[in-house]
Structure formats: structure tokens, C-alpha cells
Amino acid sequence: MPKIKNSRWALVFCVLLLSACSTPEQQPQYAQVAQQPVVEGDVMIETCRQEAAYRYNTREQQISVVDFKQYQGSYEIQGSTVRREGFTCSFDESGQFLHLSTT
């Protein structure tokens, strides 16, 4: 009889151990843990206007920002001059200016 009692306790212990292992841990995914960098949109818009004014040899006041888009790892600002010359400013995920391209 003691062997059967010990076997039952061993079986109960194994069941408890396996049930604890089968419960999925709630570990957050990396995307949930990672914090988005604080990017100042106003600073990027001002930088874009400065770069476009330099490229098109005009004043910043004559540069219009049309659209501000955020992508997975970058930002884009679309705009135009008073002469309707379109451009796109690209920024990296931390808000650093990359380049200005014409559209």
C-alpha cells in the first residue's frame, strides 16, 4: 500500500509540475516594450523648410508644407514652393534630416 500512496503523490507532483509549465508566460513582445523616440515634428518641419529654401533659392516663408507622414522607420514631409515646385524631405526614425528630393 505505501508504494501505491507514494506513486500517487509522485503522479500528483508531476501533474502540478506539468500544469505550471504549460501555462504560457505573458512576456511582452519587443515592439510593446520599445519606446518610440520623442520626435519633434515642428523641428523637422522647420528643418525641411530651411533645406527647401536653400535648394530653391527662396525664403522660408515661401515654402508650404503639405503633408507629414510617419513610416515604420522614417518620416517624410511633402511640400512645395510658391512656384509650385514639389519636394519631399526625408528623416530617419530619430528625426535627423536625411535628404530632400524633388517630386
PDB file of N, CA and C in Angstrom:
ATOM      1  N   MET A   1       0.796  -1.193   0.000  1.00  0.00           N
ATOM      2  CA  MET A   1       0.000   0.000   0.000  1.00  0.00           C
ATOM      3  C   MET A   1       0.850   1.273   0.000  1.00  0.00           C
ATOM      4  N   PRO A   2       1.993   1.331   0.729  1.00  0.00           N
ATOM      5  CA  PRO A   2       2.804   2.544   0.714  1.00  0.00           C
ATOM      6  C   PRO A   2       3.355   2.856  -0.659  1.00  0.00           C
ATOM      7  N   LYS A   3       3.647   1.823  -1.467  1.00  0.00           N
ATOM      8  CA  LYS A   3       4.141   2.092  -2.812  1.00  0.00           C
ATOM      9  C   LYS A   3       3.088   2.795  -3.653  1.00  0.00           C
ATOM     10  N   ILE A   4       1.831   2.391  -3.521  1.00  0.00           N
ATOM     11  CA  ILE A   4       0.741   3.000  -4.287  1.00  0.00           C
ATOM     12  C   ILE A   4       0.540   4.430  -3.819  1.00  0.00           C
ATOM     13  N   LYS A   5       0.637   4.677  -2.515  1.00  0.00           N
ATOM     14  CA  LYS A   5       0.457   6.024  -1.985  1.00  0.00           C
ATOM     15  C   LYS A   5       1.577   6.931  -2.468  1.00  0.00           C
ATOM     16  N   ASN A   6       2.813   6.449  -2.455  1.00  0.00           N
ATOM     17  CA  ASN A   6       3.951   7.232  -2.944  1.00  0.00           C
ATOM     18  C   ASN A   6       3.841   7.485  -4.444  1.00  0.00           C
ATOM     19  N   SER A   7       3.343   6.487  -5.161  1.00  0.00           N
ATOM     20  CA  SER A   7       3.175   6.650  -6.604  1.00  0.00           C
ATOM     21  C   SER A   7       2.131   7.714  -6.906  1.00  0.00           C
ATOM     22  N   ARG A   8       1.069   7.740  -6.090  1.00  0.00           N
ATOM     23  CA  ARG A   8       0.036   8.760  -6.297  1.00  0.00           C
ATOM     24  C   ARG A   8       0.595  10.152  -6.039  1.00  0.00           C
ATOM     25  N   TRP A   9       1.371  10.285  -4.978  1.00  0.00           N
ATOM     26  CA  TRP A   9       1.969  11.599  -4.687  1.00  0.00           C
ATOM     27  C   TRP A   9       2.932  12.014  -5.804  1.00  0.00           C
ATOM     28  N   ALA A  10       3.671  11.079  -6.308  1.00  0.00           N
ATOM     29  CA  ALA A  10       4.584  11.380  -7.414  1.00  0.00           C
ATOM     30  C   ALA A  10       3.803  11.791  -8.656  1.00  0.00           C
ATOM     31  N   LEU A  11       2.673  11.094  -8.886  1.00  0.00           N
ATOM     32  CA  LEU A  11       1.829  11.426 -10.035  1.00  0.00           C
ATOM     33  C   LEU A  11       1.214  12.821  -9.865  1.00  0.00           C
ATOM     34  N   VAL A  12       0.719  13.129  -8.664  1.00  0.00           N
ATOM     35  CA  VAL A  12       0.145  14.446  -8.388  1.00  0.00           C
ATOM     36  C   VAL A  12       1.214  15.525  -8.562  1.00  0.00           C
ATOM     37  N   PHE A  13       2.413  15.273  -8.061  1.00  0.00           N
ATOM     38  CA  PHE A  13       3.512  16.235  -8.195  1.00  0.00           C
ATOM     39  C   PHE A  13       3.855  16.474  -9.672  1.00  0.00           C
ATOM     40  N   CYS A  14       3.907  15.412 -10.452  1.00  0.00           N
ATOM     41  CA  CYS A  14       4.209  15.550 -11.886  1.00  0.00           C
ATOM     42  C   CYS A  14       3.115  16.330 -12.609  1.00  0.00           C
ATOM     43  N   VAL A  15       1.856  16.071 -12.256  1.00  0.00           N
ATOM     44  CA  VAL A  15       0.750  16.783 -12.885  1.00  0.00           C
ATOM     45  C   VAL A  15       0.833  18.271 -12.558  1.00  0.00           C
ATOM     46  N   LEU A  16       1.094  18.608 -11.297  1.00  0.00           N
ATOM     47  CA  LEU A  16       1.238  20.013 -10.911  1.00  0.00           C
ATOM     48  C   LEU A  16       2.416  20.669 -11.624  1.00  0.00           C
ATOM     49  N   LEU A  17       3.498  19.957 -11.717  1.00  0.00           N
ATOM     50  CA  LEU A  17       4.681  20.492 -12.385  1.00  0.00           C
ATOM     51  C   LEU A  17       4.418  20.740 -13.866  1.00  0.00           C
ATOM     52  N   LEU A  18       3.773  19.806 -14.526  1.00  0.00           N
ATOM     53  CA  LEU A  18       3.467  19.962 -15.940  1.00  0.00           C
ATOM     54  C   LEU A  18       2.420  21.048 -16.185  1.00  0.00           C
ATOM     55  N   SER A  19       1.461  21.179 -15.289  1.00  0.00           N
ATOM     56  CA  SER A  19       0.456  22.221 -15.482  1.00  0.00           C
ATOM     57  C   SER A  19       1.080  23.602 -15.323  1.00  0.00           C
ATOM     58  N   ALA A  20       2.068  23.729 -14.449  1.00  0.00           N
ATOM     59  CA  ALA A  20       2.756  25.012 -14.296  1.00  0.00           C
ATOM     60  C   ALA A  20       3.582  25.325 -15.534  1.00  0.00           C
ATOM     61  N   CYS A  21       4.139  24.311 -16.143  1.00  0.00           N
ATOM     62  CA  CYS A  21       4.952  24.525 -17.343  1.00  0.00           C
ATOM     63  C   CYS A  21       4.108  24.826 -18.564  1.00  0.00           C
ATOM     64  N   SER A  22       2.873  24.341 -18.573  1.00  0.00           N
ATOM     65  CA  SER A  22       2.055  24.537 -19.760  1.00  0.00           C
ATOM     66  C   SER A  22       1.382  25.906 -19.798  1.00  0.00           C
ATOM     67  N   THR A  23       1.402  26.644 -18.700  1.00  0.00           N
ATOM     68  CA  THR A  23       0.816  27.980 -18.680  1.00  0.00           C
ATOM     69  C   THR A  23       1.762  28.934 -19.398  1.00  0.00           C
ATOM     70  N   PRO A  24       1.302  29.564 -20.470  1.00  0.00           N
ATOM     71  CA  PRO A  24       2.208  30.455 -21.204  1.00  0.00           C
ATOM     72  C   PRO A  24       2.521  31.706 -20.375  1.00  0.00           C
ATOM     73  N   GLU A  25       3.776  32.067 -20.362  1.00  0.00           N
ATOM     74  CA  GLU A  25       4.176  33.292 -19.677  1.00  0.00           C
ATOM     75  C   GLU A  25       3.777  34.481 -20.532  1.00  0.00           C
ATOM     76  N   GLN A  26       3.360  35.505 -19.894  1.00  0.00           N
ATOM     77  CA  GLN A  26       2.944  36.719 -20.595  1.00  0.00           C
ATOM     78  C   GLN A  26       4.136  37.656 -20.733  1.00  0.00           C
ATOM     79  N   GLN A  27       5.039  37.299 -21.614  1.00  0.00           N
ATOM     80  CA  GLN A  27       6.181  38.157 -21.868  1.00  0.00           C
ATOM     81  C   GLN A  27       5.824  39.133 -22.965  1.00  0.00           C
ATOM     82  N   PRO A  28       6.028  40.416 -22.719  1.00  0.00           N
ATOM     83  CA  PRO A  28       5.702  41.388 -23.771  1.00  0.00           C
ATOM     84  C   PRO A  28       6.634  41.228 -24.960  1.00  0.00           C
ATOM     85  N   GLN A  29       6.094  41.465 -26.128  1.00  0.00           N
ATOM     86  CA  GLN A  29       6.909  41.413 -27.325  1.00  0.00           C
ATOM     87  C   GLN A  29       7.797  42.646 -27.364  1.00  0.00           C
ATOM     88  N   TYR A  30       8.858  42.571 -28.147  1.00  0.00           N
ATOM     89  CA  TYR A  30       9.798  43.678 -28.232  1.00  0.00           C
ATOM     90  C   TYR A  30       9.119  44.976 -28.664  1.00  0.00           C
ATOM     91  N   ALA A  31       8.191  44.866 -29.590  1.00  0.00           N
ATOM     92  CA  ALA A  31       7.523  46.068 -30.086  1.00  0.00           C
ATOM     93  C   ALA A  31       6.694  46.732 -28.993  1.00  0.00           C
ATOM     94  N   GLN A  32       6.226  45.957 -28.038  1.00  0.00           N
ATOM     95  CA  GLN A  32       5.454  46.532 -26.951  1.00  0.00           C
ATOM     96  C   GLN A  32       6.360  47.191 -25.920  1.00  0.00           C
ATOM     97  N   VAL A  33       7.573  46.678 -25.775  1.00  0.00           N
ATOM     98  CA  VAL A  33       8.493  47.200 -24.778  1.00  0.00           C
ATOM     99  C   VAL A  33       9.222  48.430 -25.302  1.00  0.00           C
ATOM    100  N   ALA A  34       9.603  48.407 -26.545  1.00  0.00           N
ATOM    101  CA  ALA A  34      10.381  49.500 -27.116  1.00  0.00           C
ATOM    102  C   ALA A  34       9.572  50.781 -27.101  1.00  0.00           C
ATOM    103  N   GLN A  35      10.213  51.842 -26.699  1.00  0.00           N
ATOM    104  CA  GLN A  35       9.539  53.124 -26.667  1.00  0.00           C
ATOM    105  C   GLN A  35       9.889  53.901 -27.919  1.00  0.00           C
ATOM    106  N   GLN A  36       8.887  54.552 -28.450  1.00  0.00           N
ATOM    107  CA  GLN A  36       9.115  55.382 -29.626  1.00  0.00           C
ATOM    108  C   GLN A  36       9.951  56.593 -29.216  1.00  0.00           C
ATOM    109  N   PRO A  37      10.936  56.943 -30.013  1.00  0.00           N
ATOM    110  CA  PRO A  37      11.690  58.138 -29.679  1.00  0.00           C
ATOM    111  C   PRO A  37      10.795  59.370 -29.790  1.00  0.00           C
ATOM    112  N   VAL A  38      11.058  60.308 -28.940  1.00  0.00           N
ATOM    113  CA  VAL A  38      10.280  61.542 -28.981  1.00  0.00           C
ATOM    114  C   VAL A  38      10.821  62.378 -30.132  1.00  0.00           C
ATOM    115  N   VAL A  39      10.019  62.541 -31.148  1.00  0.00           N
ATOM    116  CA  VAL A  39      10.436  63.275 -32.336  1.00  0.00           C
ATOM    117  C   VAL A  39       9.610  64.547 -32.401  1.00  0.00           C
ATOM    118  N   GLU A  40      10.289  65.645 -32.514  1.00  0.00           N
ATOM    119  CA  GLU A  40       9.621  66.934 -32.602  1.00  0.00           C
ATOM    120  C   GLU A  40       9.257  67.214 -34.050  1.00  0.00           C
ATOM    121  N   GLY A  41       7.970  67.106 -34.359  1.00  0.00           N
ATOM    122  CA  GLY A  41       7.505  67.349 -35.721  1.00  0.00           C
ATOM    123  C   GLY A  41       7.754  68.774 -36.160  1.00  0.00           C
ATOM    124  N   ASP A  42       7.605  69.732 -35.237  1.00  0.00           N
ATOM    125  CA  ASP A  42       7.826  71.133 -35.582  1.00  0.00           C
ATOM    126  C   ASP A  42       9.276  71.386 -35.983  1.00  0.00           C
ATOM    127  N   VAL A  43      10.192  70.718 -35.303  1.00  0.00           N
ATOM    128  CA  VAL A  43      11.614  70.883 -35.626  1.00  0.00           C
ATOM    129  C   VAL A  43      11.906  70.309 -37.011  1.00  0.00           C
ATOM    130  N   MET A  44      11.314  69.177 -37.317  1.00  0.00           N
ATOM    131  CA  MET A  44      11.525  68.571 -38.631  1.00  0.00           C
ATOM    132  C   MET A  44      10.920  69.439 -39.726  1.00  0.00           C
ATOM    133  N   ILE A  45       9.751  70.006 -39.476  1.00  0.00           N
ATOM    134  CA  ILE A  45       9.133  70.881 -40.472  1.00  0.00           C
ATOM    135  C   ILE A  45       9.995  72.117 -40.706  1.00  0.00           C
ATOM    136  N   GLU A  46      10.531  72.686 -39.641  1.00  0.00           N
ATOM    137  CA  GLU A  46      11.396  73.859 -39.777  1.00  0.00           C
ATOM    138  C   GLU A  46      12.672  73.515 -40.541  1.00  0.00           C
ATOM    139  N   THR A  47      13.254  72.371 -40.235  1.00  0.00           N
ATOM    140  CA  THR A  47      14.457  71.920 -40.955  1.00  0.00           C
ATOM    141  C   THR A  47      14.146  71.710 -42.427  1.00  0.00           C
ATOM    142  N   CYS A  48      13.003  71.102 -42.717  1.00  0.00           N
ATOM    143  CA  CYS A  48      12.607  70.870 -44.104  1.00  0.00           C
ATOM    144  C   CYS A  48      12.443  72.196 -44.842  1.00  0.00           C
ATOM    145  N   ARG A  49      11.809  73.152 -44.217  1.00  0.00           N
ATOM    146  CA  ARG A  49      11.639  74.466 -44.845  1.00  0.00           C
ATOM    147  C   ARG A  49      12.986  75.132 -45.123  1.00  0.00           C
ATOM    148  N   GLN A  50      13.908  75.027 -44.172  1.00  0.00           N
ATOM    149  CA  GLN A  50      15.243  75.614 -44.371  1.00  0.00           C
ATOM    150  C   GLN A  50      15.968  74.960 -45.538  1.00  0.00           C
ATOM    151  N   GLU A  51      15.923  73.623 -45.576  1.00  0.00           N
ATOM    152  CA  GLU A  51      16.606  72.905 -46.655  1.00  0.00           C
ATOM    153  C   GLU A  51      15.974  73.216 -48.012  1.00  0.00           C
ATOM    154  N   ALA A  52      14.639  73.281 -48.070  1.00  0.00           N
ATOM    155  CA  ALA A  52      13.956  73.583 -49.333  1.00  0.00           C
ATOM    156  C   ALA A  52      14.234  75.021 -49.763  1.00  0.00           C
ATOM    157  N   ALA A  53      14.252  75.944 -48.815  1.00  0.00           N
ATOM    158  CA  ALA A  53      14.543  77.338 -49.147  1.00  0.00           C
ATOM    159  C   ALA A  53      15.950  77.458 -49.720  1.00  0.00           C
ATOM    160  N   TYR A  54      16.889  76.739 -49.146  1.00  0.00           N
ATOM    161  CA  TYR A  54      18.260  76.756 -49.665  1.00  0.00           C
ATOM    162  C   TYR A  54      18.313  76.131 -51.064  1.00  0.00           C
ATOM    163  N   ARG A  55      17.656  74.987 -51.242  1.00  0.00           N
ATOM    164  CA  ARG A  55      17.676  74.283 -52.530  1.00  0.00           C
ATOM    165  C   ARG A  55      17.041  75.122 -53.634  1.00  0.00           C
ATOM    166  N   TYR A  56      15.922  75.778 -53.342  1.00  0.00           N
ATOM    167  CA  TYR A  56      15.193  76.528 -54.367  1.00  0.00           C
ATOM    168  C   TYR A  56      15.507  78.017 -54.355  1.00  0.00           C
ATOM    169  N   ASN A  57      16.495  78.416 -53.560  1.00  0.00           N
ATOM    170  CA  ASN A  57      16.966  79.795 -53.520  1.00  0.00           C
ATOM    171  C   ASN A  57      15.808  80.779 -53.288  1.00  0.00           C
ATOM    172  N   THR A  58      15.086  80.519 -52.192  1.00  0.00           N
ATOM    173  CA  THR A  58      13.952  81.366 -51.843  1.00  0.00           C
ATOM    174  C   THR A  58      13.899  81.517 -50.320  1.00  0.00           C
ATOM    175  N   ARG A  59      12.959  82.280 -49.829  1.00  0.00           N
ATOM    176  CA  ARG A  59      12.799  82.470 -48.385  1.00  0.00           C
ATOM    177  C   ARG A  59      11.955  81.341 -47.797  1.00  0.00           C
ATOM    178  N   GLU A  60      12.167  81.062 -46.526  1.00  0.00           N
ATOM    179  CA  GLU A  60      11.410  80.012 -45.844  1.00  0.00           C
ATOM    180  C   GLU A  60       9.913  80.306 -45.840  1.00  0.00           C
ATOM    181  N   GLN A  61       9.559  81.569 -45.814  1.00  0.00           N
ATOM    182  CA  GLN A  61       8.142  81.949 -45.783  1.00  0.00           C
ATOM    183  C   GLN A  61       7.423  81.559 -47.077  1.00  0.00           C
ATOM    184  N   GLN A  62       8.162  81.314 -48.137  1.00  0.00           N
ATOM    185  CA  GLN A  62       7.556  80.941 -49.410  1.00  0.00           C
ATOM    186  C   GLN A  62       7.524  79.419 -49.617  1.00  0.00           C
ATOM    187  N   ILE A  63       7.789  78.681 -48.547  1.00  0.00           N
ATOM    188  CA  ILE A  63       7.761  77.218 -48.585  1.00  0.00           C
ATOM    189  C   ILE A  63       6.512  76.751 -47.843  1.00  0.00           C
ATOM    190  N   SER A  64       5.707  75.932 -48.483  1.00  0.00           N
ATOM    191  CA  SER A  64       4.498  75.373 -47.868  1.00  0.00           C
ATOM    192  C   SER A  64       4.692  73.898 -47.578  1.00  0.00           C
ATOM    193  N   VAL A  65       4.309  73.494 -46.384  1.00  0.00           N
ATOM    194  CA  VAL A  65       4.329  72.076 -46.030  1.00  0.00           C
ATOM    195  C   VAL A  65       2.935  71.529 -46.264  1.00  0.00           C
ATOM    196  N   VAL A  66       2.853  70.470 -47.065  1.00  0.00           N
ATOM    197  CA  VAL A  66       1.573  69.919 -47.469  1.00  0.00           C
ATOM    198  C   VAL A  66       1.190  68.706 -46.629  1.00  0.00           C
ATOM    199  N   ASP A  67       2.155  67.822 -46.351  1.00  0.00           N
ATOM    200  CA  ASP A  67       1.842  66.558 -45.698  1.00  0.00           C
ATOM    201  C   ASP A  67       3.003  66.101 -44.830  1.00  0.00           C
ATOM    202  N   PHE A  68       2.679  65.467 -43.726  1.00  0.00           N
ATOM    203  CA  PHE A  68       3.663  64.908 -42.798  1.00  0.00           C
ATOM    204  C   PHE A  68       3.279  63.451 -42.581  1.00  0.00           C
ATOM    205  N   LYS A  69       4.173  62.519 -42.992  1.00  0.00           N
ATOM    206  CA  LYS A  69       3.867  61.091 -42.888  1.00  0.00           C
ATOM    207  C   LYS A  69       4.904  60.389 -42.037  1.00  0.00           C
ATOM    208  N   GLN A  70       4.419  59.455 -41.209  1.00  0.00           N
ATOM    209  CA  GLN A  70       5.309  58.638 -40.400  1.00  0.00           C
ATOM    210  C   GLN A  70       5.257  57.214 -40.923  1.00  0.00           C
ATOM    211  N   TYR A  71       6.415  56.659 -41.199  1.00  0.00           N
ATOM    212  CA  TYR A  71       6.516  55.273 -41.628  1.00  0.00           C
ATOM    213  C   TYR A  71       7.159  54.478 -40.509  1.00  0.00           C
ATOM    214  N   GLN A  72       7.414  53.205 -40.747  1.00  0.00           N
ATOM    215  CA  GLN A  72       7.945  52.337 -39.704  1.00  0.00           C
ATOM    216  C   GLN A  72       9.297  52.822 -39.175  1.00  0.00           C
ATOM    217  N   GLY A  73      10.176  53.225 -40.039  1.00  0.00           N
ATOM    218  CA  GLY A  73      11.490  53.649 -39.584  1.00  0.00           C
ATOM    219  C   GLY A  73      11.903  55.012 -40.092  1.00  0.00           C
ATOM    220  N   SER A  74      10.953  55.813 -40.548  1.00  0.00           N
ATOM    221  CA  SER A  74      11.314  57.119 -41.088  1.00  0.00           C
ATOM    222  C   SER A  74      10.116  58.053 -41.113  1.00  0.00           C
ATOM    223  N   TYR A  75      10.399  59.294 -41.467  1.00  0.00           N
ATOM    224  CA  TYR A  75       9.366  60.314 -41.617  1.00  0.00           C
ATOM    225  C   TYR A  75       9.570  61.008 -42.954  1.00  0.00           C
ATOM    226  N   GLU A  76       8.477  61.461 -43.547  1.00  0.00           N
ATOM    227  CA  GLU A  76       8.558  62.232 -44.788  1.00  0.00           C
ATOM    228  C   GLU A  76       7.661  63.453 -44.673  1.00  0.00           C
ATOM    229  N   ILE A  77       8.174  64.555 -45.164  1.00  0.00           N
ATOM    230  CA  ILE A  77       7.404  65.790 -45.211  1.00  0.00           C
ATOM    231  C   ILE A  77       7.354  66.230 -46.663  1.00  0.00           C
ATOM    232  N   GLN A  78       6.155  66.403 -47.174  1.00  0.00           N
ATOM    233  CA  GLN A  78       5.988  66.863 -48.552  1.00  0.00           C
ATOM    234  C   GLN A  78       5.593  68.328 -48.527  1.00  0.00           C
ATOM    235  N   GLY A  79       6.110  69.044 -49.507  1.00  0.00           N
ATOM    236  CA  GLY A  79       5.793  70.461 -49.582  1.00  0.00           C
ATOM    237  C   GLY A  79       5.993  70.998 -50.980  1.00  0.00           C
ATOM    238  N   SER A  80       5.840  72.326 -51.083  1.00  0.00           N
ATOM    239  CA  SER A  80       6.032  72.972 -52.373  1.00  0.00           C
ATOM    240  C   SER A  80       6.419  74.433 -52.157  1.00  0.00           C
ATOM    241  N   THR A  81       6.929  75.026 -53.232  1.00  0.00           N
ATOM    242  CA  THR A  81       7.279  76.441 -53.204  1.00  0.00           C
ATOM    243  C   THR A  81       6.120  77.238 -53.795  1.00  0.00           C
ATOM    244  N   VAL A  82       6.233  78.562 -53.751  1.00  0.00           N
ATOM    245  CA  VAL A  82       5.186  79.396 -54.358  1.00  0.00           C
ATOM    246  C   VAL A  82       5.172  79.223 -55.871  1.00  0.00           C
ATOM    247  N   ARG A  83       6.265  78.743 -56.439  1.00  0.00           N
ATOM    248  CA  ARG A  83       6.323  78.483 -57.886  1.00  0.00           C
ATOM    249  C   ARG A  83       5.849  77.067 -58.218  1.00  0.00           C
ATOM    250  N   ARG A  84       5.231  76.396 -57.218  1.00  0.00           N
ATOM    251  CA  ARG A  84       4.668  75.051 -57.351  1.00  0.00           C
ATOM    252  C   ARG A  84       5.716  73.981 -57.671  1.00  0.00           C
ATOM    253  N   GLU A  85       6.875  74.142 -57.112  1.00  0.00           N
ATOM    254  CA  GLU A  85       7.929  73.132 -57.220  1.00  0.00           C
ATOM    255  C   GLU A  85       7.776  72.212 -56.011  1.00  0.00           C
ATOM    256  N   GLY A  86       7.477  70.951 -56.271  1.00  0.00           N
ATOM    257  CA  GLY A  86       7.250  70.000 -55.186  1.00  0.00           C
ATOM    258  C   GLY A  86       8.527  69.357 -54.701  1.00  0.00           C
ATOM    259  N   PHE A  87       8.542  68.981 -53.424  1.00  0.00           N
ATOM    260  CA  PHE A  87       9.703  68.326 -52.832  1.00  0.00           C
ATOM    261  C   PHE A  87       9.249  67.433 -51.687  1.00  0.00           C
ATOM    262  N   THR A  88      10.145  66.549 -51.282  1.00  0.00           N
ATOM    263  CA  THR A  88       9.922  65.669 -50.142  1.00  0.00           C
ATOM    264  C   THR A  88      11.185  65.656 -49.295  1.00  0.00           C
ATOM    265  N   CYS A  89      11.029  65.931 -48.008  1.00  0.00           N
ATOM    266  CA  CYS A  89      12.139  65.838 -47.055  1.00  0.00           C
ATOM    267  C   CYS A  89      12.029  64.506 -46.336  1.00  0.00           C
ATOM    268  N   SER A  90      13.142  63.817 -46.214  1.00  0.00           N
ATOM    269  CA  SER A  90      13.162  62.531 -45.519  1.00  0.00           C
ATOM    270  C   SER A  90      13.972  62.643 -44.238  1.00  0.00           C
ATOM    271  N   PHE A  91      13.467  61.994 -43.181  1.00  0.00           N
ATOM    272  CA  PHE A  91      14.114  61.993 -41.877  1.00  0.00           C
ATOM    273  C   PHE A  91      14.189  60.559 -41.372  1.00  0.00           C
ATOM    274  N   ASP A  92      15.203  60.256 -40.569  1.00  0.00           N
ATOM    275  CA  ASP A  92      15.302  58.913 -40.011  1.00  0.00           C
ATOM    276  C   ASP A  92      14.380  58.792 -38.803  1.00  0.00           C
ATOM    277  N   GLU A  93      14.401  57.628 -38.153  1.00  0.00           N
ATOM    278  CA  GLU A  93      13.475  57.366 -37.054  1.00  0.00           C
ATOM    279  C   GLU A  93      13.714  58.247 -35.838  1.00  0.00           C
ATOM    280  N   SER A  94      14.901  58.832 -35.711  1.00  0.00           N
ATOM    281  CA  SER A  94      15.168  59.718 -34.585  1.00  0.00           C
ATOM    282  C   SER A  94      14.918  61.179 -34.937  1.00  0.00           C
ATOM    283  N   GLY A  95      14.501  61.444 -36.176  1.00  0.00           N
ATOM    284  CA  GLY A  95      14.188  62.803 -36.576  1.00  0.00           C
ATOM    285  C   GLY A  95      15.332  63.557 -37.225  1.00  0.00           C
ATOM    286  N   GLN A  96      16.414  62.865 -37.550  1.00  0.00           N
ATOM    287  CA  GLN A  96      17.557  63.504 -38.205  1.00  0.00           C
ATOM    288  C   GLN A  96      17.301  63.615 -39.704  1.00  0.00           C
ATOM    289  N   PHE A  97      17.588  64.786 -40.246  1.00  0.00           N
ATOM    290  CA  PHE A  97      17.378  65.029 -41.676  1.00  0.00           C
ATOM    291  C   PHE A  97      18.272  64.119 -42.502  1.00  0.00           C
ATOM    292  N   LEU A  98      17.688  63.473 -43.531  1.00  0.00           N
ATOM    293  CA  LEU A  98      18.449  62.610 -44.425  1.00  0.00           C
ATOM    294  C   LEU A  98      18.701  63.296 -45.768  1.00  0.00           C
ATOM    295  N   HIS A  99      17.613  63.666 -46.461  1.00  0.00           N
ATOM    296  CA  HIS A  99      17.781  64.297 -47.763  1.00  0.00           C
ATOM    297  C   HIS A  99      16.500  64.955 -48.211  1.00  0.00           C
ATOM    298  N   LEU A 100      16.618  65.773 -49.223  1.00  0.00           N
ATOM    299  CA  LEU A 100      15.483  66.435 -49.858  1.00  0.00           C
ATOM    300  C   LEU A 100      15.451  65.987 -51.315  1.00  0.00           C
ATOM    301  N   SER A 101      14.306  65.512 -51.752  1.00  0.00           N
ATOM    302  CA  SER A 101      14.186  65.085 -53.147  1.00  0.00           C
ATOM    303  C   SER A 101      13.046  65.863 -53.809  1.00  0.00           C
ATOM    304  N   THR A 102      13.174  66.055 -55.114  1.00  0.00           N
ATOM    305  CA  THR A 102      12.156  66.775 -55.862  1.00  0.00           C
ATOM    306  C   THR A 102      11.086  65.807 -56.344  1.00  0.00           C
ATOM    307  N   THR A 103       9.870  66.324 -56.448  1.00  0.00           N
ATOM    308  CA  THR A 103       8.767  65.464 -56.910  1.00  0.00           C
ATOM    309  C   THR A 103       8.151  66.025 -58.163  1.00  0.00           C
TER     310      THR A 103
END
